[in-house]
Amino acid sequence: LLRNLIENALDHGAGEARLRLTPDGVLIIENSALDYNLSAARFVRGKQSTGLGLGLAIVHSLANMLAIELSLSYSEGTVKVKLTFETVNSNYVQ
C-alpha cells in the first residue's frame, strides 16, 4: 500500500514527495502534480502514465481490507493522499 502510493507520487508528481506522520496515526503523502488522475477505477491512467492504471484501484482495495481510511484530494496544484490508521488504545495492556 505505502510503496504503491510513494512510487505513484514520485512517478506521477512534479518535484519532491512529502510524507508526514502525525501522532494520532495519520499519514499524509503529498506533492505537486502537473498530470493527475485520482480515479480508483481500474485501467484509468493519467496522460503521462506508462503504467496499466491499476495503482489507485489496488490502493483502495488494500486500504479497505486493512480498515485504513483513505482520502485523495487535489487542490492548488497539490495532490494529497491521507491514510488514517486505527489508533491504539494507550490503556491496552498485553
PDB file of N, CA and C in Angstrom:
ATOM      1  N   LEU A   1       0.831  -1.190   0.000  1.00  0.00           N
ATOM      2  CA  LEU A   1       0.000   0.000   0.000  1.00  0.00           C
ATOM      3  C   LEU A   1       0.872   1.249   0.000  1.00  0.00           C
ATOM      4  N   LEU A   2       1.774   1.333   0.966  1.00  0.00           N
ATOM      5  CA  LEU A   2       2.636   2.521   1.057  1.00  0.00           C
ATOM      6  C   LEU A   2       3.599   2.609  -0.118  1.00  0.00           C
ATOM      7  N   ARG A   3       4.162   1.492  -0.493  1.00  0.00           N
ATOM      8  CA  ARG A   3       5.089   1.505  -1.632  1.00  0.00           C
ATOM      9  C   ARG A   3       4.392   2.011  -2.886  1.00  0.00           C
ATOM     10  N   ASN A   4       3.193   1.533  -3.131  1.00  0.00           N
ATOM     11  CA  ASN A   4       2.446   1.963  -4.307  1.00  0.00           C
ATOM     12  C   ASN A   4       2.189   3.461  -4.274  1.00  0.00           C
ATOM     13  N   LEU A   5       1.762   3.974  -3.140  1.00  0.00           N
ATOM     14  CA  LEU A   5       1.473   5.404  -3.024  1.00  0.00           C
ATOM     15  C   LEU A   5       2.729   6.261  -3.188  1.00  0.00           C
ATOM     16  N   ILE A   6       3.815   5.839  -2.582  1.00  0.00           N
ATOM     17  CA  ILE A   6       5.064   6.608  -2.684  1.00  0.00           C
ATOM     18  C   ILE A   6       5.601   6.567  -4.108  1.00  0.00           C
ATOM     19  N   GLU A   7       5.578   5.389  -4.732  1.00  0.00           N
ATOM     20  CA  GLU A   7       6.034   5.294  -6.121  1.00  0.00           C
ATOM     21  C   GLU A   7       5.157   6.126  -7.048  1.00  0.00           C
ATOM     22  N   ASN A   8       3.846   6.115  -6.816  1.00  0.00           N
ATOM     23  CA  ASN A   8       2.944   6.951  -7.626  1.00  0.00           C
ATOM     24  C   ASN A   8       3.298   8.424  -7.474  1.00  0.00           C
ATOM     25  N   ALA A   9       3.561   8.848  -6.256  1.00  0.00           N
ATOM     26  CA  ALA A   9       3.905  10.252  -6.025  1.00  0.00           C
ATOM     27  C   ALA A   9       5.192  10.617  -6.754  1.00  0.00           C
ATOM     28  N   LEU A  10       6.174   9.727  -6.708  1.00  0.00           N
ATOM     29  CA  LEU A  10       7.449  10.003  -7.362  1.00  0.00           C
ATOM     30  C   LEU A  10       7.346   9.913  -8.884  1.00  0.00           C
ATOM     31  N   ASP A  11       6.592   8.935  -9.373  1.00  0.00           N
ATOM     32  CA  ASP A  11       6.484   8.728 -10.815  1.00  0.00           C
ATOM     33  C   ASP A  11       5.564   9.734 -11.504  1.00  0.00           C
ATOM     34  N   HIS A  12       4.497  10.123 -10.834  1.00  0.00           N
ATOM     35  CA  HIS A  12       3.481  10.945 -11.481  1.00  0.00           C
ATOM     36  C   HIS A  12       3.434  12.383 -10.983  1.00  0.00           C
ATOM     37  N   GLY A  13       4.198  12.670  -9.954  1.00  0.00           N
ATOM     38  CA  GLY A  13       4.203  14.013  -9.403  1.00  0.00           C
ATOM     39  C   GLY A  13       5.310  14.857  -9.999  1.00  0.00           C
ATOM     40  N   ALA A  14       5.317  16.097  -9.593  1.00  0.00           N
ATOM     41  CA  ALA A  14       6.355  17.035 -10.020  1.00  0.00           C
ATOM     42  C   ALA A  14       7.080  17.501  -8.763  1.00  0.00           C
ATOM     43  N   GLY A  15       8.370  17.324  -8.720  1.00  0.00           N
ATOM     44  CA  GLY A  15       9.113  17.735  -7.536  1.00  0.00           C
ATOM     45  C   GLY A  15       9.143  16.641  -6.495  1.00  0.00           C
ATOM     46  N   GLU A  16       9.511  17.024  -5.299  1.00  0.00           N
ATOM     47  CA  GLU A  16       9.671  16.050  -4.225  1.00  0.00           C
ATOM     48  C   GLU A  16       8.334  15.613  -3.652  1.00  0.00           C
ATOM     49  N   ALA A  17       8.291  14.387  -3.164  1.00  0.00           N
ATOM     50  CA  ALA A  17       7.127  13.877  -2.444  1.00  0.00           C
ATOM     51  C   ALA A  17       7.378  14.116  -0.958  1.00  0.00           C
ATOM     52  N   ARG A  18       6.374  14.608  -0.256  1.00  0.00           N
ATOM     53  CA  ARG A  18       6.488  14.881   1.175  1.00  0.00           C
ATOM     54  C   ARG A  18       5.604  13.895   1.945  1.00  0.00           C
ATOM     55  N   LEU A  19       6.178  13.293   2.967  1.00  0.00           N
ATOM     56  CA  LEU A  19       5.444  12.378   3.831  1.00  0.00           C
ATOM     57  C   LEU A  19       5.440  12.960   5.238  1.00  0.00           C
ATOM     58  N   ARG A  20       4.279  12.887   5.861  1.00  0.00           N
ATOM     59  CA  ARG A  20       4.141  13.411   7.222  1.00  0.00           C
ATOM     60  C   ARG A  20       3.292  12.426   8.025  1.00  0.00           C
ATOM     61  N   LEU A  21       3.778  12.030   9.181  1.00  0.00           N
ATOM     62  CA  LEU A  21       3.053  11.137  10.069  1.00  0.00           C
ATOM     63  C   LEU A  21       2.720  11.903  11.337  1.00  0.00           C
ATOM     64  N   THR A  22       1.446  11.964  11.664  1.00  0.00           N
ATOM     65  CA  THR A  22       1.018  12.705  12.846  1.00  0.00           C
ATOM     66  C   THR A  22       0.930  11.759  14.046  1.00  0.00           C
ATOM     67  N   PRO A  23       0.994  12.301  15.264  1.00  0.00           N
ATOM     68  CA  PRO A  23       0.928  11.466  16.460  1.00  0.00           C
ATOM     69  C   PRO A  23      -0.379  10.672  16.590  1.00  0.00           C
ATOM     70  N   ASP A  24      -1.435  11.125  15.924  1.00  0.00           N
ATOM     71  CA  ASP A  24      -2.719  10.432  16.035  1.00  0.00           C
ATOM     72  C   ASP A  24      -2.937   9.392  14.933  1.00  0.00           C
ATOM     73  N   GLY A  25      -1.873   8.984  14.236  1.00  0.00           N
ATOM     74  CA  GLY A  25      -1.967   7.884  13.292  1.00  0.00           C
ATOM     75  C   GLY A  25      -2.413   8.257  11.892  1.00  0.00           C
ATOM     76  N   VAL A  26      -2.127   9.467  11.451  1.00  0.00           N
ATOM     77  CA  VAL A  26      -2.488   9.902  10.106  1.00  0.00           C
ATOM     78  C   VAL A  26      -1.205  10.084   9.298  1.00  0.00           C
ATOM     79  N   LEU A  27      -1.146   9.410   8.153  1.00  0.00           N
ATOM     80  CA  LEU A  27      -0.019   9.557   7.241  1.00  0.00           C
ATOM     81  C   LEU A  27      -0.496  10.353   6.035  1.00  0.00           C
ATOM     82  N   ILE A  28       0.224  11.422   5.722  1.00  0.00           N
ATOM     83  CA  ILE A  28      -0.118  12.270   4.583  1.00  0.00           C
ATOM     84  C   ILE A  28       1.046  12.223   3.597  1.00  0.00           C
ATOM     85  N   ILE A  29       0.716  11.914   2.354  1.00  0.00           N
ATOM     86  CA  ILE A  29       1.695  11.920   1.268  1.00  0.00           C
ATOM     87  C   ILE A  29       1.210  12.970   0.287  1.00  0.00           C
ATOM     88  N   GLU A  30       2.087  13.937  -0.025  1.00  0.00           N
ATOM     89  CA  GLU A  30       1.659  14.975  -0.950  1.00  0.00           C
ATOM     90  C   GLU A  30       2.808  15.450  -1.813  1.00  0.00           C
ATOM     91  N   ASN A  31       2.443  15.905  -3.001  1.00  0.00           N
ATOM     92  CA  ASN A  31       3.406  16.534  -3.888  1.00  0.00           C
ATOM     93  C   ASN A  31       2.664  17.273  -4.991  1.00  0.00           C
ATOM     94  N   SER A  32       3.407  18.084  -5.705  1.00  0.00           N
ATOM     95  CA  SER A  32       2.833  18.828  -6.819  1.00  0.00           C
ATOM     96  C   SER A  32       2.582  17.866  -7.967  1.00  0.00           C
ATOM     97  N   ALA A  33       1.589  18.184  -8.777  1.00  0.00           N
ATOM     98  CA  ALA A  33       1.271  17.319  -9.906  1.00  0.00           C
ATOM     99  C   ALA A  33       0.846  18.146 -11.099  1.00  0.00           C
ATOM    100  N   LEU A  34       1.458  17.869 -12.218  1.00  0.00           N
ATOM    101  CA  LEU A  34       1.064  18.510 -13.462  1.00  0.00           C
ATOM    102  C   LEU A  34      -0.045  17.711 -14.129  1.00  0.00           C
ATOM    103  N   ASP A  35       0.057  16.404 -14.048  1.00  0.00           N
ATOM    104  CA  ASP A  35      -0.927  15.490 -14.634  1.00  0.00           C
ATOM    105  C   ASP A  35      -1.368  14.557 -13.520  1.00  0.00           C
ATOM    106  N   TYR A  36      -2.612  14.580 -13.178  1.00  0.00           N
ATOM    107  CA  TYR A  36      -3.074  13.738 -12.091  1.00  0.00           C
ATOM    108  C   TYR A  36      -4.403  13.110 -12.456  1.00  0.00           C
ATOM    109  N   ASN A  37      -4.662  11.964 -11.895  1.00  0.00           N
ATOM    110  CA  ASN A  37      -5.949  11.305 -12.036  1.00  0.00           C
ATOM    111  C   ASN A  37      -6.179  10.548 -10.741  1.00  0.00           C
ATOM    112  N   LEU A  38      -7.160  10.955  -9.989  1.00  0.00           N
ATOM    113  CA  LEU A  38      -7.410  10.359  -8.679  1.00  0.00           C
ATOM    114  C   LEU A  38      -8.495   9.296  -8.724  1.00  0.00           C
ATOM    115  N   SER A  39      -8.740   8.762  -9.906  1.00  0.00           N
ATOM    116  CA  SER A  39      -9.762   7.744 -10.061  1.00  0.00           C
ATOM    117  C   SER A  39      -9.284   6.410  -9.507  1.00  0.00           C
ATOM    118  N   ALA A  40     -10.157   5.725  -8.784  1.00  0.00           N
ATOM    119  CA  ALA A  40      -9.843   4.397  -8.281  1.00  0.00           C
ATOM    120  C   ALA A  40     -10.329   3.320  -9.248  1.00  0.00           C
ATOM    121  N   ALA A  41     -10.892   3.750 -10.385  1.00  0.00           N
ATOM    122  CA  ALA A  41     -11.356   2.786 -11.377  1.00  0.00           C
ATOM    123  C   ALA A  41     -10.151   2.102 -12.024  1.00  0.00           C
ATOM    124  N   ARG A  42     -10.299   0.850 -12.338  1.00  0.00           N
ATOM    125  CA  ARG A  42      -9.214   0.111 -12.982  1.00  0.00           C
ATOM    126  C   ARG A  42      -8.978   0.621 -14.395  1.00  0.00           C
ATOM    127  N   PHE A  43      -7.723   0.628 -14.779  1.00  0.00           N
ATOM    128  CA  PHE A  43      -7.266   0.971 -16.124  1.00  0.00           C
ATOM    129  C   PHE A  43      -7.466   2.446 -16.492  1.00  0.00           C
ATOM    130  N   VAL A  44      -7.662   3.304 -15.502  1.00  0.00           N
ATOM    131  CA  VAL A  44      -7.730   4.743 -15.746  1.00  0.00           C
ATOM    132  C   VAL A  44      -6.337   5.296 -15.483  1.00  0.00           C
ATOM    133  N   ARG A  45      -5.775   5.977 -16.480  1.00  0.00           N
ATOM    134  CA  ARG A  45      -4.403   6.458 -16.388  1.00  0.00           C
ATOM    135  C   ARG A  45      -4.337   7.945 -16.658  1.00  0.00           C
ATOM    136  N   GLY A  46      -3.319   8.563 -16.085  1.00  0.00           N
ATOM    137  CA  GLY A  46      -3.027   9.953 -16.408  1.00  0.00           C
ATOM    138  C   GLY A  46      -2.421  10.021 -17.808  1.00  0.00           C
ATOM    139  N   LYS A  47      -2.395  11.207 -18.384  1.00  0.00           N
ATOM    140  CA  LYS A  47      -1.891  11.386 -19.747  1.00  0.00           C
ATOM    141  C   LYS A  47      -0.445  10.940 -19.905  1.00  0.00           C
ATOM    142  N   GLN A  48       0.386  11.177 -18.904  1.00  0.00           N
ATOM    143  CA  GLN A  48       1.809  10.860 -18.988  1.00  0.00           C
ATOM    144  C   GLN A  48       2.155   9.486 -18.416  1.00  0.00           C
ATOM    145  N   SER A  49       1.173   8.750 -17.945  1.00  0.00           N
ATOM    146  CA  SER A  49       1.426   7.478 -17.273  1.00  0.00           C
ATOM    147  C   SER A  49       1.879   6.398 -18.244  1.00  0.00           C
ATOM    148  N   THR A  50       2.840   5.595 -17.796  1.00  0.00           N
ATOM    149  CA  THR A  50       3.273   4.432 -18.562  1.00  0.00           C
ATOM    150  C   THR A  50       2.781   3.142 -17.907  1.00  0.00           C
ATOM    151  N   GLY A  51       2.041   3.291 -16.810  1.00  0.00           N
ATOM    152  CA  GLY A  51       1.534   2.123 -16.094  1.00  0.00           C
ATOM    153  C   GLY A  51       0.243   1.604 -16.704  1.00  0.00           C
ATOM    154  N   LEU A  52      -0.339   0.620 -16.035  1.00  0.00           N
ATOM    155  CA  LEU A  52      -1.575  -0.002 -16.510  1.00  0.00           C
ATOM    156  C   LEU A  52      -2.828   0.680 -15.973  1.00  0.00           C
ATOM    157  N   GLY A  53      -2.665   1.591 -15.030  1.00  0.00           N
ATOM    158  CA  GLY A  53      -3.831   2.241 -14.444  1.00  0.00           C
ATOM    159  C   GLY A  53      -4.473   1.425 -13.344  1.00  0.00           C
ATOM    160  N   LEU A  54      -3.674   0.633 -12.654  1.00  0.00           N
ATOM    161  CA  LEU A  54      -4.203  -0.201 -11.573  1.00  0.00           C
ATOM    162  C   LEU A  54      -3.805   0.287 -10.187  1.00  0.00           C
ATOM    163  N   GLY A  55      -2.864   1.210 -10.102  1.00  0.00           N
ATOM    164  CA  GLY A  55      -2.291   1.621  -8.821  1.00  0.00           C
ATOM    165  C   GLY A  55      -3.307   2.052  -7.787  1.00  0.00           C
ATOM    166  N   LEU A  56      -4.158   3.017  -8.106  1.00  0.00           N
ATOM    167  CA  LEU A  56      -5.106   3.504  -7.102  1.00  0.00           C
ATOM    168  C   LEU A  56      -6.229   2.508  -6.832  1.00  0.00           C
ATOM    169  N   ALA A  57      -6.557   1.668  -7.805  1.00  0.00           N
ATOM    170  CA  ALA A  57      -7.542   0.612  -7.559  1.00  0.00           C
ATOM    171  C   ALA A  57      -6.995  -0.372  -6.533  1.00  0.00           C
ATOM    172  N   ILE A  58      -5.714  -0.706  -6.667  1.00  0.00           N
ATOM    173  CA  ILE A  58      -5.066  -1.602  -5.706  1.00  0.00           C
ATOM    174  C   ILE A  58      -4.992  -0.943  -4.332  1.00  0.00           C
ATOM    175  N   VAL A  59      -4.618   0.323  -4.292  1.00  0.00           N
ATOM    176  CA  VAL A  59      -4.533   1.059  -3.029  1.00  0.00           C
ATOM    177  C   VAL A  59      -5.886   1.081  -2.327  1.00  0.00           C
ATOM    178  N   HIS A  60      -6.951   1.381  -3.055  1.00  0.00           N
ATOM    179  CA  HIS A  60      -8.280   1.410  -2.445  1.00  0.00           C
ATOM    180  C   HIS A  60      -8.667   0.038  -1.899  1.00  0.00           C
ATOM    181  N   SER A  61      -8.394  -1.024  -2.648  1.00  0.00           N
ATOM    182  CA  SER A  61      -8.722  -2.375  -2.182  1.00  0.00           C
ATOM    183  C   SER A  61      -7.948  -2.734  -0.923  1.00  0.00           C
ATOM    184  N   LEU A  62      -6.652  -2.447  -0.916  1.00  0.00           N
ATOM    185  CA  LEU A  62      -5.834  -2.748   0.260  1.00  0.00           C
ATOM    186  C   LEU A  62      -6.274  -1.945   1.478  1.00  0.00           C
ATOM    187  N   ALA A  63      -6.533  -0.668   1.286  1.00  0.00           N
ATOM    188  CA  ALA A  63      -6.975   0.167   2.412  1.00  0.00           C
ATOM    189  C   ALA A  63      -8.281  -0.373   2.988  1.00  0.00           C
ATOM    190  N   ASN A  64      -9.178  -0.769   2.115  1.00  0.00           N
ATOM    191  CA  ASN A  64     -10.456  -1.321   2.571  1.00  0.00           C
ATOM    192  C   ASN A  64     -10.243  -2.616   3.353  1.00  0.00           C
ATOM    193  N   MET A  65      -9.391  -3.502   2.832  1.00  0.00           N
ATOM    194  CA  MET A  65      -9.123  -4.776   3.503  1.00  0.00           C
ATOM    195  C   MET A  65      -8.450  -4.570   4.856  1.00  0.00           C
ATOM    196  N   LEU A  66      -7.610  -3.548   4.967  1.00  0.00           N
ATOM    197  CA  LEU A  66      -6.860  -3.290   6.196  1.00  0.00           C
ATOM    198  C   LEU A  66      -7.570  -2.319   7.141  1.00  0.00           C
ATOM    199  N   ALA A  67      -8.780  -1.909   6.773  1.00  0.00           N
ATOM    200  CA  ALA A  67      -9.571  -0.963   7.574  1.00  0.00           C
ATOM    201  C   ALA A  67      -8.820   0.347   7.813  1.00  0.00           C
ATOM    202  N   ILE A  68      -8.177   0.840   6.745  1.00  0.00           N
ATOM    203  CA  ILE A  68      -7.482   2.122   6.799  1.00  0.00           C
ATOM    204  C   ILE A  68      -8.322   3.128   6.027  1.00  0.00           C
ATOM    205  N   GLU A  69      -8.652   4.227   6.673  1.00  0.00           N
ATOM    206  CA  GLU A  69      -9.419   5.269   5.993  1.00  0.00           C
ATOM    207  C   GLU A  69      -8.500   5.968   4.991  1.00  0.00           C
ATOM    208  N   LEU A  70      -8.968   6.103   3.754  1.00  0.00           N
ATOM    209  CA  LEU A  70      -8.173   6.678   2.682  1.00  0.00           C
ATOM    210  C   LEU A  70      -8.923   7.838   2.053  1.00  0.00           C
ATOM    211  N   SER A  71      -8.239   8.966   1.891  1.00  0.00           N
ATOM    212  CA  SER A  71      -8.839  10.072   1.143  1.00  0.00           C
ATOM    213  C   SER A  71      -7.801  10.640   0.189  1.00  0.00           C
ATOM    214  N   LEU A  72      -8.267  11.029  -0.992  1.00  0.00           N
ATOM    215  CA  LEU A  72      -7.431  11.601  -2.037  1.00  0.00           C
ATOM    216  C   LEU A  72      -8.002  12.952  -2.396  1.00  0.00           C
ATOM    217  N   SER A  73      -7.123  13.936  -2.557  1.00  0.00           N
ATOM    218  CA  SER A  73      -7.624  15.256  -2.940  1.00  0.00           C
ATOM    219  C   SER A  73      -6.601  15.978  -3.809  1.00  0.00           C
ATOM    220  N   TYR A  74      -7.101  16.940  -4.551  1.00  0.00           N
ATOM    221  CA  TYR A  74      -6.246  17.789  -5.383  1.00  0.00           C
ATOM    222  C   TYR A  74      -6.693  19.223  -5.160  1.00  0.00           C
ATOM    223  N   SER A  75      -5.741  20.079  -4.812  1.00  0.00           N
ATOM    224  CA  SER A  75      -6.058  21.488  -4.588  1.00  0.00           C
ATOM    225  C   SER A  75      -4.825  22.328  -4.878  1.00  0.00           C
ATOM    226  N   GLU A  76      -5.002  23.370  -5.634  1.00  0.00           N
ATOM    227  CA  GLU A  76      -3.939  24.338  -5.921  1.00  0.00           C
ATOM    228  C   GLU A  76      -2.635  23.680  -6.372  1.00  0.00           C
ATOM    229  N   GLY A  77      -2.748  22.693  -7.273  1.00  0.00           N
ATOM    230  CA  GLY A  77      -1.566  22.057  -7.835  1.00  0.00           C
ATOM    231  C   GLY A  77      -0.930  20.985  -6.979  1.00  0.00           C
ATOM    232  N   THR A  78      -1.578  20.595  -5.878  1.00  0.00           N
ATOM    233  CA  THR A  78      -1.011  19.590  -4.981  1.00  0.00           C
ATOM    234  C   THR A  78      -1.975  18.425  -4.812  1.00  0.00           C
ATOM    235  N   VAL A  79      -1.438  17.224  -5.006  1.00  0.00           N
ATOM    236  CA  VAL A  79      -2.191  16.003  -4.723  1.00  0.00           C
ATOM    237  C   VAL A  79      -1.864  15.595  -3.295  1.00  0.00           C
ATOM    238  N   LYS A  80      -2.910  15.263  -2.527  1.00  0.00           N
ATOM    239  CA  LYS A  80      -2.719  14.840  -1.137  1.00  0.00           C
ATOM    240  C   LYS A  80      -3.443  13.513  -0.924  1.00  0.00           C
ATOM    241  N   VAL A  81      -2.702  12.553  -0.392  1.00  0.00           N
ATOM    242  CA  VAL A  81      -3.256  11.268   0.000  1.00  0.00           C
ATOM    243  C   VAL A  81      -3.171  11.201   1.514  1.00  0.00           C
ATOM    244  N   LYS A  82      -4.293  10.896   2.131  1.00  0.00           N
ATOM    245  CA  LYS A  82      -4.352  10.853   3.590  1.00  0.00           C
ATOM    246  C   LYS A  82      -4.813   9.461   4.015  1.00  0.00           C
ATOM    247  N   LEU A  83      -3.986   8.804   4.826  1.00  0.00           N
ATOM    248  CA  LEU A  83      -4.312   7.492   5.375  1.00  0.00           C
ATOM    249  C   LEU A  83      -4.487   7.640   6.884  1.00  0.00           C
ATOM    250  N   THR A  84      -5.619   7.214   7.388  1.00  0.00           N
ATOM    251  CA  THR A  84      -5.877   7.289   8.820  1.00  0.00           C
ATOM    252  C   THR A  84      -5.882   5.871   9.375  1.00  0.00           C
ATOM    253  N   PHE A  85      -4.878   5.583  10.179  1.00  0.00           N
ATOM    254  CA  PHE A  85      -4.745   4.268  10.785  1.00  0.00           C
ATOM    255  C   PHE A  85      -5.490   4.254  12.113  1.00  0.00           C
ATOM    256  N   GLU A  86      -6.017   3.104  12.456  1.00  0.00           N
ATOM    257  CA  GLU A  86      -6.699   2.965  13.736  1.00  0.00           C
ATOM    258  C   GLU A  86      -5.704   3.225  14.846  1.00  0.00           C
ATOM    259  N   THR A  87      -6.084   4.075  15.776  1.00  0.00           N
ATOM    260  CA  THR A  87      -5.168   4.379  16.870  1.00  0.00           C
ATOM    261  C   THR A  87      -5.245   3.275  17.933  1.00  0.00           C
ATOM    262  N   VAL A  88      -4.152   3.052  18.602  1.00  0.00           N
ATOM    263  CA  VAL A  88      -4.061   2.039  19.631  1.00  0.00           C
ATOM    264  C   VAL A  88      -4.465   2.658  20.953  1.00  0.00           C
ATOM    265  N   ASN A  89      -5.311   1.999  21.678  1.00  0.00           N
ATOM    266  CA  ASN A  89      -5.738   2.465  22.992  1.00  0.00           C
ATOM    267  C   ASN A  89      -4.534   2.425  23.936  1.00  0.00           C
ATOM    268  N   SER A  90      -4.175   3.563  24.490  1.00  0.00           N
ATOM    269  CA  SER A  90      -2.999   3.645  25.371  1.00  0.00           C
ATOM    270  C   SER A  90      -3.211   2.909  26.681  1.00  0.00           C
ATOM    271  N   ASN A  91      -4.456   2.540  27.001  1.00  0.00           N
ATOM    272  CA  ASN A  91      -4.728   1.812  28.234  1.00  0.00           C
ATOM    273  C   ASN A  91      -4.634   0.315  28.040  1.00  0.00           C
ATOM    274  N   TYR A  92      -4.362  -0.103  26.807  1.00  0.00           N
ATOM    275  CA  TYR A  92      -4.281  -1.538  26.499  1.00  0.00           C
ATOM    276  C   TYR A  92      -3.028  -2.129  27.131  1.00  0.00           C
ATOM    277  N   VAL A  93      -3.212  -3.236  27.833  1.00  0.00           N
ATOM    278  CA  VAL A  93      -2.086  -3.889  28.489  1.00  0.00           C
ATOM    279  C   VAL A  93      -1.996  -5.311  27.930  1.00  0.00           C
ATOM    280  N   GLN A  94      -0.788  -5.703  27.516  1.00  0.00           N
ATOM    281  CA  GLN A  94      -0.620  -7.063  26.979  1.00  0.00           C
ATOM    282  C   GLN A  94      -0.337  -8.042  28.079  1.00  0.00           C
TER     283      GLN A  94
END
